[in-house]
N, C-alpha and C. Protein backbone atom coordinates (compact mmCIF):
# COMPACT_ATOMS: atom_id res chain seq x y z
N MET A 1 -9.77 24.13 2.31
CA MET A 1 -8.70 23.69 3.21
C MET A 1 -7.42 23.47 2.41
N GLN A 2 -6.33 24.05 2.90
CA GLN A 2 -5.04 23.83 2.26
C GLN A 2 -4.28 22.77 3.04
N TYR A 3 -3.89 21.72 2.34
CA TYR A 3 -3.19 20.61 3.00
C TYR A 3 -1.68 20.83 2.92
N LYS A 4 -0.99 20.39 3.99
CA LYS A 4 0.43 20.68 4.12
C LYS A 4 1.32 19.44 3.98
N ALA A 5 0.71 18.27 3.85
CA ALA A 5 1.50 17.04 3.73
C ALA A 5 0.67 15.98 3.02
N ALA A 6 1.38 15.05 2.37
CA ALA A 6 0.73 13.94 1.65
C ALA A 6 1.39 12.63 2.05
N ILE A 7 0.58 11.68 2.49
CA ILE A 7 1.08 10.34 2.83
C ILE A 7 0.34 9.34 1.94
N PHE A 8 1.08 8.38 1.41
CA PHE A 8 0.55 7.46 0.42
C PHE A 8 0.67 6.02 0.87
N ASP A 9 -0.34 5.23 0.53
CA ASP A 9 -0.19 3.78 0.48
C ASP A 9 0.77 3.49 -0.69
N LEU A 10 1.27 2.27 -0.77
CA LEU A 10 2.24 1.93 -1.83
C LEU A 10 1.60 1.08 -2.92
N ASP A 11 1.31 -0.19 -2.61
CA ASP A 11 0.76 -1.11 -3.61
C ASP A 11 -0.66 -0.70 -3.98
N GLY A 12 -0.90 -0.55 -5.28
CA GLY A 12 -2.23 -0.17 -5.74
C GLY A 12 -2.47 1.32 -5.71
N THR A 13 -1.51 2.07 -5.20
CA THR A 13 -1.64 3.53 -5.11
C THR A 13 -0.52 4.21 -5.89
N LEU A 14 0.71 3.93 -5.52
CA LEU A 14 1.85 4.46 -6.27
C LEU A 14 2.37 3.47 -7.30
N ILE A 15 2.33 2.18 -6.95
CA ILE A 15 2.87 1.15 -7.84
C ILE A 15 1.83 0.08 -8.15
N ASP A 16 1.90 -0.43 -9.38
CA ASP A 16 1.06 -1.55 -9.79
C ASP A 16 1.87 -2.83 -9.62
N SER A 17 1.68 -3.48 -8.50
CA SER A 17 2.50 -4.64 -8.11
C SER A 17 1.72 -5.94 -8.09
N LEU A 18 0.45 -5.91 -8.49
CA LEU A 18 -0.42 -7.06 -8.29
C LEU A 18 0.11 -8.32 -8.97
N ALA A 19 0.61 -8.19 -10.18
CA ALA A 19 1.07 -9.38 -10.91
C ALA A 19 2.24 -10.05 -10.20
N ASP A 20 3.19 -9.26 -9.70
CA ASP A 20 4.34 -9.85 -8.99
C ASP A 20 3.92 -10.47 -7.66
N LEU A 21 2.98 -9.84 -6.97
CA LEU A 21 2.47 -10.42 -5.72
C LEU A 21 1.77 -11.75 -6.00
N ALA A 22 0.93 -11.76 -7.03
CA ALA A 22 0.20 -12.98 -7.38
C ALA A 22 1.15 -14.08 -7.85
N ASP A 23 2.09 -13.73 -8.71
CA ASP A 23 3.05 -14.73 -9.21
C ASP A 23 3.84 -15.35 -8.06
N SER A 24 4.24 -14.53 -7.10
CA SER A 24 5.06 -15.01 -5.99
C SER A 24 4.27 -15.94 -5.08
N ALA A 25 3.03 -15.53 -4.78
CA ALA A 25 2.18 -16.38 -3.93
C ALA A 25 1.84 -17.68 -4.64
N ASN A 26 1.56 -17.60 -5.95
CA ASN A 26 1.25 -18.83 -6.69
C ASN A 26 2.47 -19.74 -6.80
N GLU A 27 3.66 -19.16 -6.90
CA GLU A 27 4.88 -19.99 -6.92
C GLU A 27 5.03 -20.75 -5.60
N MET A 28 4.74 -20.06 -4.50
CA MET A 28 4.78 -20.72 -3.19
C MET A 28 3.74 -21.84 -3.13
N LEU A 29 2.52 -21.57 -3.57
CA LEU A 29 1.45 -22.57 -3.54
C LEU A 29 1.79 -23.77 -4.42
N ALA A 30 2.34 -23.50 -5.59
CA ALA A 30 2.70 -24.58 -6.51
C ALA A 30 3.75 -25.50 -5.90
N GLY A 31 4.64 -24.93 -5.09
CA GLY A 31 5.67 -25.73 -4.44
C GLY A 31 5.10 -26.76 -3.49
N TYR A 32 3.92 -26.47 -2.98
CA TYR A 32 3.24 -27.42 -2.08
C TYR A 32 2.22 -28.29 -2.83
N GLY A 33 1.98 -27.98 -4.10
CA GLY A 33 0.95 -28.69 -4.84
C GLY A 33 -0.45 -28.22 -4.54
N PHE A 34 -0.58 -27.00 -4.00
CA PHE A 34 -1.89 -26.45 -3.67
C PHE A 34 -2.50 -25.75 -4.88
N PRO A 35 -3.84 -25.57 -4.89
CA PRO A 35 -4.47 -24.83 -5.99
C PRO A 35 -3.97 -23.39 -6.07
N LEU A 36 -3.89 -22.88 -7.30
CA LEU A 36 -3.44 -21.51 -7.53
C LEU A 36 -4.66 -20.58 -7.63
N HIS A 37 -4.40 -19.28 -7.61
CA HIS A 37 -5.48 -18.29 -7.66
C HIS A 37 -5.24 -17.32 -8.82
N THR A 38 -6.33 -16.69 -9.25
CA THR A 38 -6.25 -15.70 -10.33
C THR A 38 -5.79 -14.35 -9.79
N ILE A 39 -5.35 -13.48 -10.69
CA ILE A 39 -4.95 -12.14 -10.29
C ILE A 39 -6.13 -11.41 -9.65
N ASP A 40 -7.33 -11.59 -10.18
CA ASP A 40 -8.48 -10.89 -9.60
C ASP A 40 -8.75 -11.34 -8.16
N GLU A 41 -8.52 -12.62 -7.86
CA GLU A 41 -8.66 -13.07 -6.47
C GLU A 41 -7.63 -12.37 -5.57
N TYR A 42 -6.44 -12.18 -6.10
CA TYR A 42 -5.39 -11.54 -5.28
C TYR A 42 -5.71 -10.08 -4.98
N ARG A 43 -6.57 -9.45 -5.77
CA ARG A 43 -6.98 -8.08 -5.45
C ARG A 43 -7.56 -7.98 -4.05
N TYR A 44 -8.19 -9.08 -3.61
CA TYR A 44 -8.84 -9.08 -2.30
C TYR A 44 -8.03 -9.82 -1.24
N PHE A 45 -6.97 -10.51 -1.66
CA PHE A 45 -6.09 -11.17 -0.69
C PHE A 45 -5.08 -10.19 -0.12
N VAL A 46 -4.65 -9.21 -0.91
CA VAL A 46 -3.62 -8.27 -0.47
C VAL A 46 -4.26 -7.09 0.27
N GLY A 47 -3.40 -6.34 0.99
CA GLY A 47 -3.87 -5.13 1.65
C GLY A 47 -3.69 -5.12 3.16
N ASN A 48 -3.56 -6.31 3.75
CA ASN A 48 -3.43 -6.40 5.20
C ASN A 48 -2.10 -7.00 5.64
N GLY A 49 -1.10 -6.94 4.78
CA GLY A 49 0.21 -7.47 5.13
C GLY A 49 0.45 -8.84 4.53
N SER A 50 1.72 -9.23 4.51
CA SER A 50 2.13 -10.48 3.86
C SER A 50 1.55 -11.71 4.56
N ARG A 51 1.51 -11.68 5.87
CA ARG A 51 1.00 -12.86 6.58
C ARG A 51 -0.47 -13.10 6.26
N LYS A 52 -1.25 -12.03 6.26
CA LYS A 52 -2.67 -12.17 5.96
C LYS A 52 -2.86 -12.63 4.51
N LEU A 53 -2.02 -12.16 3.61
CA LEU A 53 -2.07 -12.63 2.22
C LEU A 53 -1.91 -14.14 2.16
N ILE A 54 -0.94 -14.66 2.89
CA ILE A 54 -0.67 -16.10 2.87
C ILE A 54 -1.83 -16.86 3.50
N GLU A 55 -2.37 -16.37 4.60
CA GLU A 55 -3.52 -17.04 5.23
C GLU A 55 -4.70 -17.10 4.27
N ARG A 56 -4.87 -16.06 3.48
CA ARG A 56 -6.02 -16.02 2.56
C ARG A 56 -5.84 -16.91 1.35
N CYS A 57 -4.60 -17.10 0.90
CA CYS A 57 -4.43 -17.89 -0.33
C CYS A 57 -4.20 -19.37 -0.06
N LEU A 58 -3.85 -19.74 1.16
CA LEU A 58 -3.65 -21.15 1.50
C LEU A 58 -4.99 -21.89 1.60
N PRO A 59 -4.98 -23.22 1.42
CA PRO A 59 -6.18 -24.00 1.74
C PRO A 59 -6.60 -23.74 3.18
N GLU A 60 -7.89 -23.78 3.44
CA GLU A 60 -8.43 -23.35 4.73
C GLU A 60 -7.80 -24.08 5.92
N ASP A 61 -7.60 -25.38 5.80
CA ASP A 61 -7.05 -26.12 6.93
C ASP A 61 -5.60 -25.70 7.21
N LYS A 62 -4.83 -25.43 6.16
CA LYS A 62 -3.45 -25.02 6.34
C LYS A 62 -3.36 -23.60 6.90
N ALA A 63 -4.31 -22.75 6.53
CA ALA A 63 -4.29 -21.36 7.00
C ALA A 63 -4.52 -21.27 8.50
N LYS A 64 -5.06 -22.32 9.11
CA LYS A 64 -5.31 -22.32 10.56
C LYS A 64 -4.12 -22.86 11.35
N ASP A 65 -3.12 -23.35 10.65
CA ASP A 65 -1.93 -23.95 11.28
C ASP A 65 -0.82 -22.89 11.33
N LYS A 66 -0.59 -22.31 12.50
CA LYS A 66 0.36 -21.19 12.62
C LYS A 66 1.75 -21.58 12.14
N ALA A 67 2.21 -22.76 12.52
CA ALA A 67 3.56 -23.18 12.13
C ALA A 67 3.65 -23.32 10.61
N PHE A 68 2.59 -23.85 9.99
CA PHE A 68 2.61 -23.99 8.54
C PHE A 68 2.58 -22.62 7.86
N VAL A 69 1.77 -21.70 8.40
CA VAL A 69 1.72 -20.35 7.84
C VAL A 69 3.10 -19.69 7.92
N ASP A 70 3.79 -19.90 9.05
CA ASP A 70 5.14 -19.34 9.19
C ASP A 70 6.06 -19.85 8.08
N GLU A 71 5.99 -21.15 7.82
CA GLU A 71 6.84 -21.76 6.79
C GLU A 71 6.46 -21.25 5.40
N ALA A 72 5.15 -21.21 5.13
CA ALA A 72 4.69 -20.75 3.82
C ALA A 72 5.02 -19.28 3.60
N LEU A 73 4.94 -18.48 4.66
CA LEU A 73 5.27 -17.06 4.56
C LEU A 73 6.75 -16.88 4.21
N ALA A 74 7.61 -17.66 4.83
CA ALA A 74 9.04 -17.57 4.52
C ALA A 74 9.30 -17.95 3.06
N ARG A 75 8.61 -18.99 2.58
CA ARG A 75 8.78 -19.40 1.18
C ARG A 75 8.27 -18.30 0.24
N TYR A 76 7.13 -17.72 0.59
CA TYR A 76 6.57 -16.64 -0.23
C TYR A 76 7.55 -15.46 -0.31
N LYS A 77 8.11 -15.06 0.82
CA LYS A 77 9.03 -13.92 0.82
C LYS A 77 10.25 -14.20 -0.04
N ALA A 78 10.72 -15.44 -0.02
CA ALA A 78 11.86 -15.81 -0.87
C ALA A 78 11.48 -15.69 -2.35
N CYS A 79 10.26 -16.12 -2.68
CA CYS A 79 9.79 -15.98 -4.06
C CYS A 79 9.64 -14.51 -4.43
N TYR A 80 9.07 -13.73 -3.53
CA TYR A 80 8.81 -12.32 -3.85
C TYR A 80 10.11 -11.53 -3.98
N ASP A 81 11.11 -11.91 -3.20
CA ASP A 81 12.41 -11.23 -3.32
C ASP A 81 12.95 -11.30 -4.75
N LYS A 82 12.63 -12.38 -5.45
CA LYS A 82 13.10 -12.54 -6.84
C LYS A 82 12.24 -11.74 -7.83
N ASN A 83 11.00 -11.44 -7.42
CA ASN A 83 10.02 -10.87 -8.35
C ASN A 83 9.67 -9.41 -8.07
N LEU A 84 10.37 -8.76 -7.15
CA LEU A 84 9.96 -7.45 -6.64
C LEU A 84 9.56 -6.47 -7.73
N VAL A 85 10.38 -6.34 -8.74
CA VAL A 85 10.07 -5.39 -9.81
C VAL A 85 10.15 -6.07 -11.18
N HIS A 86 9.78 -7.35 -11.21
CA HIS A 86 9.77 -8.06 -12.49
C HIS A 86 8.71 -7.48 -13.41
N LYS A 87 7.49 -7.32 -12.89
CA LYS A 87 6.38 -6.73 -13.64
C LYS A 87 5.88 -5.43 -13.01
N THR A 88 6.32 -5.14 -11.81
CA THR A 88 5.84 -3.98 -11.06
C THR A 88 6.37 -2.68 -11.66
N LYS A 89 5.51 -1.69 -11.71
CA LYS A 89 5.90 -0.37 -12.21
C LYS A 89 5.04 0.69 -11.55
N CYS A 90 5.49 1.93 -11.60
CA CYS A 90 4.67 3.03 -11.12
C CYS A 90 3.49 3.21 -12.07
N TYR A 91 2.36 3.58 -11.51
CA TYR A 91 1.22 3.93 -12.37
C TYR A 91 1.54 5.18 -13.18
N ALA A 92 0.95 5.27 -14.34
CA ALA A 92 1.14 6.45 -15.20
C ALA A 92 0.72 7.71 -14.45
N GLY A 93 1.58 8.71 -14.48
CA GLY A 93 1.28 9.98 -13.84
C GLY A 93 1.79 10.12 -12.42
N ILE A 94 2.26 9.03 -11.82
CA ILE A 94 2.72 9.09 -10.42
C ILE A 94 3.99 9.94 -10.31
N ASP A 95 4.95 9.72 -11.18
CA ASP A 95 6.19 10.51 -11.11
C ASP A 95 5.90 12.00 -11.24
N GLU A 96 5.03 12.35 -12.16
CA GLU A 96 4.69 13.76 -12.36
C GLU A 96 4.00 14.35 -11.14
N MET A 97 3.08 13.58 -10.55
CA MET A 97 2.37 14.05 -9.36
C MET A 97 3.32 14.29 -8.18
N LEU A 98 4.20 13.31 -7.92
CA LEU A 98 5.14 13.44 -6.80
C LEU A 98 6.10 14.60 -7.03
N THR A 99 6.55 14.75 -8.27
CA THR A 99 7.45 15.87 -8.59
C THR A 99 6.76 17.20 -8.35
N ALA A 100 5.51 17.32 -8.77
CA ALA A 100 4.77 18.57 -8.60
C ALA A 100 4.55 18.89 -7.12
N LEU A 101 4.29 17.87 -6.31
CA LEU A 101 4.13 18.10 -4.87
C LEU A 101 5.45 18.58 -4.26
N GLN A 102 6.54 17.96 -4.65
CA GLN A 102 7.84 18.36 -4.10
C GLN A 102 8.22 19.77 -4.54
N GLU A 103 7.81 20.16 -5.73
CA GLU A 103 8.08 21.52 -6.18
C GLU A 103 7.33 22.55 -5.34
N LYS A 104 6.25 22.11 -4.70
CA LYS A 104 5.49 22.96 -3.79
C LYS A 104 5.99 22.83 -2.35
N ASN A 105 7.09 22.08 -2.16
CA ASN A 105 7.67 21.84 -0.83
C ASN A 105 6.71 21.12 0.11
N ILE A 106 5.92 20.23 -0.45
CA ILE A 106 5.01 19.41 0.36
C ILE A 106 5.76 18.16 0.81
N PRO A 107 5.86 17.91 2.12
CA PRO A 107 6.52 16.68 2.58
C PRO A 107 5.71 15.45 2.21
N LEU A 108 6.41 14.39 1.82
CA LEU A 108 5.79 13.16 1.37
C LEU A 108 6.16 11.99 2.28
N GLY A 109 5.23 11.07 2.46
CA GLY A 109 5.51 9.86 3.22
C GLY A 109 4.81 8.67 2.60
N ILE A 110 5.27 7.49 2.95
CA ILE A 110 4.63 6.24 2.50
C ILE A 110 4.36 5.38 3.73
N CYS A 111 3.15 4.84 3.81
CA CYS A 111 2.82 3.87 4.86
C CYS A 111 2.13 2.69 4.19
N THR A 112 2.75 1.53 4.30
CA THR A 112 2.27 0.33 3.62
C THR A 112 2.27 -0.86 4.57
N ASN A 113 1.40 -1.83 4.29
CA ASN A 113 1.42 -3.08 5.05
C ASN A 113 2.36 -4.11 4.41
N LYS A 114 3.03 -3.76 3.32
CA LYS A 114 4.06 -4.62 2.73
C LYS A 114 5.21 -4.75 3.71
N HIS A 115 5.83 -5.94 3.81
CA HIS A 115 6.92 -6.09 4.77
C HIS A 115 8.04 -5.10 4.44
N GLN A 116 8.69 -4.60 5.49
CA GLN A 116 9.57 -3.45 5.39
C GLN A 116 10.69 -3.62 4.38
N SER A 117 11.33 -4.78 4.37
CA SER A 117 12.46 -4.96 3.46
C SER A 117 12.02 -4.85 2.01
N ALA A 118 10.85 -5.41 1.69
CA ALA A 118 10.34 -5.33 0.32
C ALA A 118 9.95 -3.90 -0.02
N ALA A 119 9.31 -3.21 0.92
CA ALA A 119 8.92 -1.82 0.69
C ALA A 119 10.14 -0.96 0.40
N ASP A 120 11.18 -1.13 1.19
CA ASP A 120 12.40 -0.33 1.01
C ASP A 120 13.02 -0.58 -0.36
N GLU A 121 13.10 -1.86 -0.74
CA GLU A 121 13.77 -2.18 -2.01
C GLU A 121 12.96 -1.71 -3.21
N VAL A 122 11.64 -1.90 -3.17
CA VAL A 122 10.80 -1.45 -4.27
C VAL A 122 10.89 0.07 -4.42
N CYS A 123 10.85 0.79 -3.31
CA CYS A 123 10.94 2.25 -3.37
C CYS A 123 12.30 2.70 -3.89
N GLN A 124 13.34 1.98 -3.51
CA GLN A 124 14.68 2.32 -3.99
C GLN A 124 14.78 2.13 -5.50
N LYS A 125 14.13 1.09 -6.01
CA LYS A 125 14.23 0.78 -7.43
C LYS A 125 13.30 1.63 -8.30
N LEU A 126 12.13 2.00 -7.76
CA LEU A 126 11.12 2.66 -8.59
C LEU A 126 10.86 4.12 -8.23
N LEU A 127 11.20 4.52 -7.01
CA LEU A 127 10.83 5.86 -6.55
C LEU A 127 12.02 6.64 -6.00
N ALA A 128 13.22 6.23 -6.36
CA ALA A 128 14.43 6.81 -5.76
C ALA A 128 14.60 8.29 -6.08
N LYS A 129 14.02 8.77 -7.18
CA LYS A 129 14.17 10.17 -7.54
C LYS A 129 13.34 11.09 -6.66
N HIS A 130 12.46 10.51 -5.85
CA HIS A 130 11.60 11.30 -4.98
C HIS A 130 12.06 11.17 -3.53
N SER A 131 11.83 12.22 -2.77
CA SER A 131 12.27 12.26 -1.38
C SER A 131 11.08 12.08 -0.44
N PHE A 132 11.15 11.06 0.41
CA PHE A 132 10.10 10.78 1.38
C PHE A 132 10.63 10.98 2.79
N VAL A 133 9.84 11.65 3.61
CA VAL A 133 10.23 11.87 5.00
C VAL A 133 10.43 10.53 5.69
N GLU A 134 9.54 9.59 5.41
CA GLU A 134 9.69 8.25 5.97
C GLU A 134 8.89 7.26 5.13
N ILE A 135 9.41 6.03 5.04
CA ILE A 135 8.71 4.91 4.42
C ILE A 135 8.55 3.85 5.50
N ILE A 136 7.32 3.66 5.95
CA ILE A 136 7.07 2.69 7.02
C ILE A 136 6.29 1.52 6.44
N GLY A 137 6.88 0.33 6.54
CA GLY A 137 6.20 -0.89 6.14
C GLY A 137 5.82 -1.71 7.35
N ASP A 138 5.56 -2.99 7.11
CA ASP A 138 5.21 -3.90 8.20
C ASP A 138 6.50 -4.28 8.91
N ARG A 139 6.61 -3.86 10.15
CA ARG A 139 7.81 -4.14 10.93
C ARG A 139 7.43 -4.48 12.37
N PRO A 140 8.27 -5.22 13.09
CA PRO A 140 7.94 -5.61 14.46
C PRO A 140 7.71 -4.39 15.36
N GLY A 141 6.72 -4.52 16.23
CA GLY A 141 6.48 -3.48 17.22
C GLY A 141 5.51 -2.41 16.80
N LEU A 142 5.10 -2.41 15.52
CA LEU A 142 4.14 -1.42 15.03
C LEU A 142 2.94 -2.14 14.43
N PRO A 143 1.72 -1.78 14.84
CA PRO A 143 0.53 -2.44 14.30
C PRO A 143 0.30 -2.06 12.84
N ARG A 144 -0.32 -2.97 12.11
CA ARG A 144 -0.61 -2.72 10.70
C ARG A 144 -1.81 -1.77 10.56
N LYS A 145 -1.87 -1.11 9.42
CA LYS A 145 -3.07 -0.36 9.07
C LYS A 145 -4.27 -1.32 9.10
N PRO A 146 -5.44 -0.86 9.53
CA PRO A 146 -5.90 0.52 9.70
C PRO A 146 -5.58 1.18 11.04
N ASP A 147 -4.80 0.52 11.90
CA ASP A 147 -4.34 1.23 13.09
C ASP A 147 -3.57 2.47 12.64
N PRO A 148 -3.82 3.64 13.25
CA PRO A 148 -3.22 4.87 12.76
C PRO A 148 -1.83 5.20 13.30
N LYS A 149 -1.26 4.35 14.15
CA LYS A 149 0.00 4.72 14.81
C LYS A 149 1.11 5.05 13.82
N LYS A 150 1.25 4.26 12.76
CA LYS A 150 2.35 4.48 11.82
C LYS A 150 2.17 5.79 11.05
N VAL A 151 0.96 6.05 10.57
CA VAL A 151 0.77 7.27 9.80
C VAL A 151 0.86 8.51 10.69
N LEU A 152 0.41 8.39 11.93
CA LEU A 152 0.53 9.52 12.86
C LEU A 152 2.00 9.78 13.19
N ALA A 153 2.80 8.73 13.26
CA ALA A 153 4.24 8.91 13.50
C ALA A 153 4.89 9.66 12.33
N ILE A 154 4.45 9.36 11.11
CA ILE A 154 4.99 10.07 9.94
C ILE A 154 4.58 11.54 10.00
N ALA A 155 3.32 11.80 10.32
CA ALA A 155 2.84 13.19 10.40
C ALA A 155 3.61 13.97 11.46
N ALA A 156 3.88 13.32 12.60
CA ALA A 156 4.63 13.99 13.67
C ALA A 156 6.04 14.33 13.20
N LYS A 157 6.65 13.40 12.47
CA LYS A 157 8.00 13.65 11.94
C LYS A 157 7.98 14.79 10.93
N MET A 158 6.88 14.94 10.21
CA MET A 158 6.74 16.04 9.25
C MET A 158 6.48 17.38 9.93
N GLY A 159 6.01 17.30 11.18
CA GLY A 159 5.69 18.53 11.90
C GLY A 159 4.36 19.14 11.50
N VAL A 160 3.39 18.27 11.10
CA VAL A 160 2.08 18.76 10.69
C VAL A 160 0.99 18.16 11.58
N LYS A 161 -0.15 18.82 11.64
CA LYS A 161 -1.30 18.33 12.39
C LYS A 161 -2.07 17.33 11.53
N PRO A 162 -2.76 16.38 12.16
CA PRO A 162 -3.51 15.39 11.38
C PRO A 162 -4.46 16.01 10.36
N GLU A 163 -5.14 17.07 10.75
CA GLU A 163 -6.11 17.67 9.83
C GLU A 163 -5.45 18.36 8.64
N GLU A 164 -4.13 18.47 8.66
CA GLU A 164 -3.41 19.08 7.54
C GLU A 164 -2.86 18.04 6.56
N VAL A 165 -3.17 16.76 6.81
CA VAL A 165 -2.62 15.66 6.00
C VAL A 165 -3.69 15.05 5.10
N ALA A 166 -3.36 14.85 3.85
CA ALA A 166 -4.18 14.05 2.93
C ALA A 166 -3.53 12.67 2.82
N TYR A 167 -4.34 11.63 3.01
CA TYR A 167 -3.82 10.26 2.91
C TYR A 167 -4.47 9.58 1.71
N PHE A 168 -3.62 8.99 0.86
CA PHE A 168 -4.06 8.44 -0.42
C PHE A 168 -3.94 6.91 -0.41
N GLY A 169 -5.02 6.23 -0.82
CA GLY A 169 -4.96 4.78 -0.89
C GLY A 169 -6.04 4.21 -1.78
N ASP A 170 -5.96 2.90 -2.00
CA ASP A 170 -6.86 2.26 -2.97
C ASP A 170 -7.78 1.21 -2.35
N THR A 171 -7.77 1.06 -1.02
CA THR A 171 -8.59 0.03 -0.39
C THR A 171 -9.32 0.57 0.84
N SER A 172 -10.25 -0.24 1.33
CA SER A 172 -10.98 0.11 2.56
C SER A 172 -10.02 0.28 3.73
N VAL A 173 -8.97 -0.53 3.77
CA VAL A 173 -7.98 -0.41 4.84
C VAL A 173 -7.38 1.00 4.86
N ASP A 174 -7.12 1.55 3.69
CA ASP A 174 -6.53 2.89 3.61
C ASP A 174 -7.52 3.97 4.04
N MET A 175 -8.76 3.85 3.62
CA MET A 175 -9.75 4.85 4.01
C MET A 175 -9.98 4.81 5.53
N GLU A 176 -10.01 3.61 6.09
CA GLU A 176 -10.17 3.47 7.54
C GLU A 176 -8.95 4.03 8.28
N THR A 177 -7.77 3.81 7.73
CA THR A 177 -6.54 4.34 8.32
C THR A 177 -6.60 5.86 8.39
N ALA A 178 -6.97 6.48 7.28
CA ALA A 178 -7.06 7.94 7.23
C ALA A 178 -8.08 8.46 8.23
N ARG A 179 -9.24 7.84 8.28
CA ARG A 179 -10.27 8.27 9.22
C ARG A 179 -9.80 8.11 10.66
N ASN A 180 -9.16 6.98 10.96
CA ASN A 180 -8.68 6.73 12.33
C ASN A 180 -7.62 7.74 12.76
N ALA A 181 -6.87 8.26 11.78
CA ALA A 181 -5.80 9.22 12.08
C ALA A 181 -6.28 10.67 12.09
N GLY A 182 -7.48 10.91 11.58
CA GLY A 182 -7.96 12.28 11.46
C GLY A 182 -7.44 12.98 10.22
N PHE A 183 -6.99 12.20 9.21
CA PHE A 183 -6.52 12.73 7.93
C PHE A 183 -7.70 12.83 6.96
N LEU A 184 -7.48 13.52 5.84
CA LEU A 184 -8.44 13.50 4.75
C LEU A 184 -8.28 12.18 3.99
N PRO A 185 -9.34 11.36 3.90
CA PRO A 185 -9.24 10.10 3.14
C PRO A 185 -9.44 10.34 1.64
N VAL A 186 -8.41 10.07 0.86
CA VAL A 186 -8.46 10.26 -0.59
C VAL A 186 -8.34 8.89 -1.25
N GLY A 187 -9.39 8.49 -1.97
CA GLY A 187 -9.37 7.21 -2.65
C GLY A 187 -8.89 7.34 -4.08
N VAL A 188 -8.02 6.42 -4.50
CA VAL A 188 -7.56 6.40 -5.88
C VAL A 188 -8.22 5.23 -6.60
N THR A 189 -8.79 5.51 -7.76
CA THR A 189 -9.62 4.50 -8.43
C THR A 189 -8.85 3.65 -9.43
N TRP A 190 -7.53 3.90 -9.57
CA TRP A 190 -6.73 3.11 -10.52
C TRP A 190 -6.11 1.88 -9.86
N GLY A 191 -6.38 1.64 -8.58
CA GLY A 191 -5.71 0.58 -7.84
C GLY A 191 -6.41 -0.76 -7.86
N PHE A 192 -6.32 -1.49 -6.74
CA PHE A 192 -6.75 -2.88 -6.69
C PHE A 192 -8.24 -3.07 -6.42
N ARG A 193 -8.90 -2.08 -5.83
CA ARG A 193 -10.28 -2.26 -5.39
C ARG A 193 -11.22 -1.29 -6.10
N PRO A 194 -12.52 -1.62 -6.12
CA PRO A 194 -13.48 -0.77 -6.85
C PRO A 194 -13.80 0.54 -6.12
N GLU A 195 -14.24 1.51 -6.88
CA GLU A 195 -14.61 2.82 -6.35
C GLU A 195 -15.65 2.70 -5.24
N GLU A 196 -16.59 1.76 -5.40
CA GLU A 196 -17.67 1.61 -4.42
C GLU A 196 -17.13 1.29 -3.03
N GLU A 197 -16.08 0.50 -2.97
CA GLU A 197 -15.48 0.16 -1.67
C GLU A 197 -14.89 1.40 -1.00
N LEU A 198 -14.27 2.24 -1.78
CA LEU A 198 -13.65 3.45 -1.24
C LEU A 198 -14.72 4.40 -0.68
N VAL A 199 -15.77 4.59 -1.43
CA VAL A 199 -16.85 5.47 -0.99
C VAL A 199 -17.51 4.92 0.27
N ALA A 200 -17.77 3.62 0.28
CA ALA A 200 -18.46 2.99 1.41
C ALA A 200 -17.64 3.06 2.70
N THR A 201 -16.33 3.18 2.58
CA THR A 201 -15.48 3.18 3.78
C THR A 201 -14.91 4.56 4.10
N GLY A 202 -15.49 5.61 3.48
CA GLY A 202 -15.20 6.95 3.97
C GLY A 202 -14.39 7.87 3.11
N ALA A 203 -14.11 7.49 1.84
CA ALA A 203 -13.36 8.40 0.97
C ALA A 203 -14.11 9.72 0.83
N LYS A 204 -13.42 10.82 1.09
CA LYS A 204 -14.00 12.15 0.93
C LYS A 204 -13.72 12.73 -0.45
N VAL A 205 -12.64 12.25 -1.07
CA VAL A 205 -12.25 12.69 -2.41
C VAL A 205 -11.86 11.44 -3.19
N LEU A 206 -12.24 11.41 -4.47
CA LEU A 206 -11.82 10.32 -5.36
C LEU A 206 -10.97 10.90 -6.48
N LEU A 207 -9.84 10.25 -6.75
CA LEU A 207 -8.98 10.63 -7.87
C LEU A 207 -9.03 9.55 -8.93
N HIS A 208 -9.26 9.95 -10.17
CA HIS A 208 -9.30 8.99 -11.27
C HIS A 208 -7.99 8.95 -12.05
N SER A 209 -7.12 9.92 -11.82
CA SER A 209 -5.75 9.90 -12.34
C SER A 209 -4.90 10.73 -11.37
N PRO A 210 -3.60 10.46 -11.28
CA PRO A 210 -2.77 11.14 -10.28
C PRO A 210 -2.82 12.65 -10.32
N MET A 211 -2.78 13.24 -11.50
CA MET A 211 -2.74 14.70 -11.57
C MET A 211 -4.09 15.34 -11.25
N ASP A 212 -5.15 14.54 -11.11
CA ASP A 212 -6.43 15.07 -10.61
C ASP A 212 -6.27 15.66 -9.22
N LEU A 213 -5.26 15.23 -8.51
CA LEU A 213 -5.00 15.73 -7.16
C LEU A 213 -5.02 17.25 -7.12
N PHE A 214 -4.45 17.87 -8.12
CA PHE A 214 -4.31 19.33 -8.11
C PHE A 214 -5.58 20.06 -8.53
N ARG A 215 -6.53 19.29 -9.06
CA ARG A 215 -7.85 19.87 -9.34
C ARG A 215 -8.80 19.69 -8.18
N GLU A 216 -8.58 18.66 -7.39
CA GLU A 216 -9.49 18.32 -6.30
C GLU A 216 -9.07 18.86 -4.94
N LEU A 217 -7.76 19.08 -4.75
CA LEU A 217 -7.24 19.49 -3.45
C LEU A 217 -6.34 20.71 -3.59
N GLU A 218 -6.22 21.46 -2.49
CA GLU A 218 -5.32 22.62 -2.47
C GLU A 218 -4.11 22.29 -1.62
N PHE A 219 -2.94 22.41 -2.22
CA PHE A 219 -1.67 22.21 -1.51
C PHE A 219 -0.85 23.48 -1.60
């Protein structure tokens, strides 16, 4: 099968942002005097959007209080705005992979559960040399992954059929998103979650480095 388009998750797939996400959430928690979490714990807190991240890292009683979560989320976003690319960087080989795809005239897209303003700024700072048909983050009126509406909207804008799209991600949410959309689910093993999670949730192809893409798939 020759694929005609590539859509990517962002955090854990194109960029290694875990340290900045963890630092920002811990800064918010420290402001309240709450217990902090390790980077490894944050591997499982992230992936479902900023609000879910905050619900997962707060003490259990506070996570059930919607008004408190709203306040903590606003504080977290203010912290993260300062830390967006403090430690965050593209994974090794990502620039080369994206460049090679563009040289083949393959349209590229990004779909992330990161809030839209942060997604836009991170992409502007770290991925500006690459051209994306659309970058869709968490924004009002659109459901978060694994709902397929956002990725299907990107595919429609590209003018390709779902079965012609390879979707790349590092978590179960991404594999479920790809399956729900009718895309090829491609798991990347350099991200936040273990290979076993990707296989268990439907990855049809596993990449151990970005340029493996061209050995495993035909574009």
